C-alpha atoms as a PDB file:
ATOM      1  CA  MET A   1      16.591-137.631 -85.880  1.00  0.00           C
ATOM      2  CA  THR A   2      13.619-135.894 -87.208  1.00  0.00           C
ATOM      3  CA  VAL A   3      10.481-136.408 -85.399  1.00  0.00           C
ATOM      4  CA  GLN A   4       7.733-133.656 -87.032  1.00  0.00           C
ATOM      5  CA  PRO A   5       7.684-133.382 -90.953  1.00  0.00           C
ATOM      6  CA  TYR A   6       9.141-129.768 -91.213  1.00  0.00           C
ATOM      7  CA  ARG A   7       7.556-127.634 -94.914  1.00  0.00           C
ATOM      8  CA  LEU A   8       7.238-124.795 -95.809  1.00  0.00           C
ATOM      9  CA  TYR A   9       5.704-122.637 -99.107  1.00  0.00           C
ATOM     10  CA  ILE A  10       5.318-118.956 -99.395  1.00  0.00           C
ATOM     11  CA  GLU A  11       5.407-116.571-102.014  1.00  0.00           C
ATOM     12  CA  ARG A  12       6.212-112.628-102.034  1.00  0.00           C
ATOM     13  CA  ARG A  13       3.827-112.123-105.789  1.00  0.00           C
ATOM     14  CA  GLU A  14       3.326-108.091-106.822  1.00  0.00           C
ATOM     15  CA  PRO A  15       2.741-107.837-110.410  1.00  0.00           C
ATOM     16  CA  ASP A  16       3.178-103.642-110.661  1.00  0.00           C
ATOM     17  CA  LYS A  17       7.178-104.523-110.076  1.00  0.00           C
ATOM     18  CA  ASN A  18       7.192-108.092-111.909  1.00  0.00           C
ATOM     19  CA  MET A  19       8.141-109.792-108.860  1.00  0.00           C
ATOM     20  CA  ALA A  20       7.281-113.472-108.431  1.00  0.00           C
ATOM     21  CA  ARG A  21       9.710-114.737-105.958  1.00  0.00           C
ATOM     22  CA  PHE A  22       9.526-117.883-103.766  1.00  0.00           C
ATOM     23  CA  TYR A  23      11.242-119.570-100.476  1.00  0.00           C
ATOM     24  CA  ALA A  24      11.427-123.300 -99.116  1.00  0.00           C
ATOM     25  CA  LEU A  25      11.731-124.572 -96.260  1.00  0.00           C
ATOM     26  CA  SER A  26      12.059-127.632 -94.824  1.00  0.00           C
ATOM     27  CA  ILE A  27      13.618-129.575 -92.088  1.00  0.00           C
ATOM     28  CA  GLU A  28      14.853-133.517 -92.537  1.00  0.00           C
ATOM     29  CA  PRO A  29      17.140-135.816 -91.059  1.00  0.00           C
ATOM     30  CA  ASN A  30      20.712-136.553 -93.180  1.00  0.00           C
ATOM     31  CA  LEU A  31      22.441-139.214 -93.406  1.00  0.00           C
ATOM     32  CA  PHE A  32      25.048-139.372 -90.210  1.00  0.00           C
ATOM     33  CA  GLY A  33      21.849-139.169 -87.784  1.00  0.00           C
ATOM     34  CA  GLY A  34      21.501-134.938 -87.394  1.00  0.00           C
ATOM     35  CA  THR A  35      19.084-133.321 -88.578  1.00  0.00           C
ATOM     36  CA  SER A  36      19.648-130.433 -91.875  1.00  0.00           C
ATOM     37  CA  LEU A  37      17.429-127.234 -92.736  1.00  0.00           C
ATOM     38  CA  VAL A  38      16.862-126.763 -96.913  1.00  0.00           C
ATOM     39  CA  ARG A  39      16.056-123.200 -97.884  1.00  0.00           C
ATOM     40  CA  SER A  40      15.383-123.098-101.906  1.00  0.00           C
ATOM     41  CA  TRP A  41      14.552-119.770-103.326  1.00  0.00           C
ATOM     42  CA  GLY A  42      13.975-117.971-106.969  1.00  0.00           C
ATOM     43  CA  ARG A  43      11.891-116.542-108.793  1.00  0.00           C
ATOM     44  CA  ILE A  44       8.378-118.912-109.816  1.00  0.00           C
ATOM     45  CA  GLY A  45       9.184-121.352-112.281  1.00  0.00           C
ATOM     46  CA  CYS A  46      12.571-121.141-111.815  1.00  0.00           C
ATOM     47  CA  ARG A  47      15.102-123.740-110.143  1.00  0.00           C
ATOM     48  CA  GLY A  48      16.369-120.820-107.899  1.00  0.00           C
ATOM     49  CA  GLN A  49      18.895-121.535-105.479  1.00  0.00           C
ATOM     50  CA  GLN A  50      19.556-123.980-102.625  1.00  0.00           C
ATOM     51  CA  LYS A  51      21.316-124.200 -99.372  1.00  0.00           C
ATOM     52  CA  ILE A  52      21.360-126.370 -96.832  1.00  0.00           C
ATOM     53  CA  HIS A  53      22.339-126.007 -93.300  1.00  0.00           C
ATOM     54  CA  VAL A  54      22.903-129.173 -91.019  1.00  0.00           C
ATOM     55  CA  PHE A  55      22.342-129.163 -86.970  1.00  0.00           C
ATOM     56  CA  ASP A  56      23.353-131.807 -84.528  1.00  0.00           C
ATOM     57  CA  SER A  57      19.902-131.161 -82.540  1.00  0.00           C
ATOM     58  CA  GLU A  58      15.993-130.586 -83.960  1.00  0.00           C
ATOM     59  CA  ALA A  59      15.487-127.394 -81.921  1.00  0.00           C
ATOM     60  CA  LYS A  60      18.060-125.646 -83.383  1.00  0.00           C
ATOM     61  CA  ALA A  61      16.820-126.237 -87.088  1.00  0.00           C
ATOM     62  CA  VAL A  62      13.311-125.206 -85.702  1.00  0.00           C
ATOM     63  CA  ASP A  63      15.351-121.582 -84.743  1.00  0.00           C
ATOM     64  CA  LEU A  64      16.203-121.363 -88.043  1.00  0.00           C
ATOM     65  CA  LEU A  65      13.433-121.585 -89.925  1.00  0.00           C
ATOM     66  CA  LEU A  66      11.008-119.909 -87.056  1.00  0.00           C
ATOM     67  CA  THR A  67      13.587-117.190 -87.537  1.00  0.00           C
ATOM     68  CA  LEU A  68      13.917-116.684 -91.443  1.00  0.00           C
ATOM     69  CA  LEU A  69       9.986-117.349 -91.901  1.00  0.00           C
ATOM     70  CA  ARG A  70      10.099-114.049 -89.594  1.00  0.00           C
ATOM     71  CA  ARG A  71      11.593-112.129 -91.716  1.00  0.00           C
ATOM     72  CA  LYS A  72      10.258-112.703 -94.869  1.00  0.00           C
ATOM     73  CA  ARG A  73       7.026-112.643 -93.655  1.00  0.00           C
ATOM     74  CA  SER A  74       7.950-109.150 -92.268  1.00  0.00           C
ATOM     75  CA  ARG A  75       8.963-108.469 -96.251  1.00  0.00           C
ATOM     76  CA  GLY A  76       5.752-109.482 -97.588  1.00  0.00           C
ATOM     77  CA  TYR A  77       6.016-113.474 -98.043  1.00  0.00           C
ATOM     78  CA  LEU A  78       2.462-114.944 -97.379  1.00  0.00           C
ATOM     79  CA  PRO A  79       1.294-119.158 -97.976  1.00  0.00           C
ATOM     80  CA  LEU A  80      -0.255-120.039-100.825  1.00  0.00           C
ATOM     81  CA  GLN A  81      -4.104-119.403-100.498  1.00  0.00           C
END
């Protein structure tokens, strides 16, 4: 069961390239007692896409969240200010 709420929303905006993207991550409990990492991404203002990863433990979900966050930060995604 998820003890700590994890929600993250980051954006990458580059007007000269006509780029405005978002990336959202959240860790949520599922109906079977496990933990799910929900990833959403796409162009800002659009619905985008979504992928759900299911884990047995919260620690594994947090590890993937941190890995994905590092990857996105290296590509220029930043939290809202």
